[in-house]
Protein backbone atom coordinates (compact mmCIF):
# COMPACT_ATOMS: atom_id res chain seq x y z
CA MET A 1 -59.63 155.65 -141.09
CA GLY A 2 -59.55 158.16 -143.86
CA SER A 3 -62.97 159.81 -143.93
CA TRP A 4 -64.61 156.88 -142.09
CA PHE A 5 -65.19 156.73 -138.34
CA VAL A 6 -64.48 153.25 -137.03
CA GLY A 7 -65.58 153.07 -133.39
CA ALA A 8 -65.52 149.32 -132.92
CA LEU A 9 -63.75 146.29 -134.32
CA ALA A 10 -64.86 142.76 -133.49
CA TYR A 11 -63.48 139.30 -134.09
CA ALA A 12 -65.03 136.19 -132.50
CA ALA A 13 -65.56 137.10 -128.83
CA ASP A 14 -63.17 140.08 -128.86
CA ILE A 15 -64.21 143.72 -129.24
CA VAL A 16 -62.05 146.83 -129.59
CA LEU A 17 -63.71 150.18 -128.89
CA MET A 18 -62.03 153.33 -130.20
CA ALA A 19 -63.13 156.86 -129.44
CA PRO A 20 -61.71 160.39 -129.47
CA THR A 21 -62.59 161.16 -125.83
CA ALA A 22 -63.23 159.41 -122.51
CA THR A 23 -66.80 160.70 -122.62
CA VAL A 24 -67.43 158.87 -125.88
CA VAL A 25 -65.79 155.70 -124.50
CA ARG A 26 -68.10 155.89 -121.45
CA ARG A 27 -71.13 156.10 -123.75
CA MET A 28 -69.90 153.17 -125.83
CA LEU A 29 -69.37 151.10 -122.67
CA ALA A 30 -72.88 152.03 -121.51
CA VAL A 31 -74.26 150.75 -124.84
CA CYS A 32 -72.32 147.50 -124.29
CA ASP A 33 -73.82 147.22 -120.80
CA GLU A 34 -77.34 147.76 -122.17
CA PHE A 35 -76.74 145.15 -124.87
CA ALA A 36 -75.42 142.66 -122.30
CA VAL A 37 -78.50 143.09 -120.10
CA LYS A 38 -80.88 142.57 -123.02
CA LEU A 39 -79.10 139.41 -124.18
CA ASP A 40 -78.15 138.10 -120.73
CA LEU A 41 -74.42 138.42 -121.47
CA ARG A 42 -71.46 139.48 -119.34
CA PHE A 43 -68.37 141.42 -120.28
CA ASN A 44 -65.34 140.29 -118.29
CA ALA A 45 -63.60 143.43 -117.03
CA SER A 46 -60.69 141.37 -115.68
CA LYS A 47 -59.83 140.34 -119.25
CA SER A 48 -60.17 143.89 -120.56
CA ILE A 49 -57.68 146.77 -120.71
CA CYS A 50 -57.76 150.46 -121.60
CA MET A 51 -55.05 152.28 -123.51
CA PHE A 52 -54.96 156.03 -123.98
CA PHE A 53 -53.07 157.68 -126.80
CA ARG A 54 -52.31 161.36 -126.49
CA PRO A 55 -50.58 163.65 -128.99
CA ARG A 56 -46.85 163.98 -128.44
CA LYS A 57 -47.34 167.67 -127.66
CA SER A 58 -49.79 166.81 -124.85
CA TYR A 59 -47.42 164.21 -123.41
CA LYS A 60 -44.44 166.56 -123.39
CA SER A 61 -46.33 169.43 -121.77
CA HIS A 62 -47.80 167.25 -118.98
CA LYS A 63 -45.15 164.60 -118.32
CA HIS A 64 -44.05 166.15 -115.03
CA THR A 65 -47.47 167.23 -113.80
CA GLY A 66 -49.13 163.82 -114.19
CA LEU A 67 -52.01 163.14 -116.54
CA VAL A 68 -55.35 162.19 -115.10
CA THR A 69 -56.62 158.92 -116.52
CA PRO A 70 -60.40 158.60 -116.33
CA ASP A 71 -62.01 155.66 -114.57
CA LEU A 72 -63.94 153.52 -117.02
CA SER A 73 -66.09 150.53 -116.17
CA ILE A 74 -68.20 147.82 -117.73
CA GLY A 75 -70.69 145.62 -115.93
CA GLY A 76 -70.02 147.53 -112.72
CA SER A 77 -66.29 146.68 -112.71
CA VAL A 78 -63.51 149.22 -113.28
CA LEU A 79 -61.29 148.53 -116.29
CA VAL A 80 -57.50 148.28 -115.94
CA VAL A 81 -55.51 151.06 -117.62
CA ALA A 82 -52.27 150.16 -119.38
CA ALA A 83 -49.27 151.91 -117.84
CA LEU A 84 -47.34 152.75 -120.98
CA GLY A 85 -45.17 155.57 -119.65
CA PHE A 86 -44.09 156.82 -123.08
CA PRO A 87 -45.68 158.11 -126.26
CA PHE A 88 -45.85 155.75 -129.19
CA SER A 89 -47.76 155.22 -132.39
CA ILE A 90 -49.50 152.26 -133.94
CA VAL A 91 -50.01 152.27 -137.69
CA ILE A 92 -52.88 150.23 -139.04
CA GLY A 93 -52.92 149.69 -142.76
CA CYS A 94 -51.92 147.51 -145.64
CA ASP A 95 -49.45 147.81 -148.49
């Protein structure tokens, strides 16, 4: 946001991880796994979901060839990927 990197948002028992690449998301999930082991916690993969946002240009150039969505997991369980099927934007901000 602006010149700040915000990689995680948390509220109560909910966490949102945000990263520029699947590799970074994998590392963040690995950190979550390490944290869970140390504190004897569990992340519930069945209540988790992944969403990927690609630039419009990327979507248009690959829409007929099929984009590969990386497998991501936490606690040994694969996370569900949202099937959006169209490009869209989410604006986060305040007036």
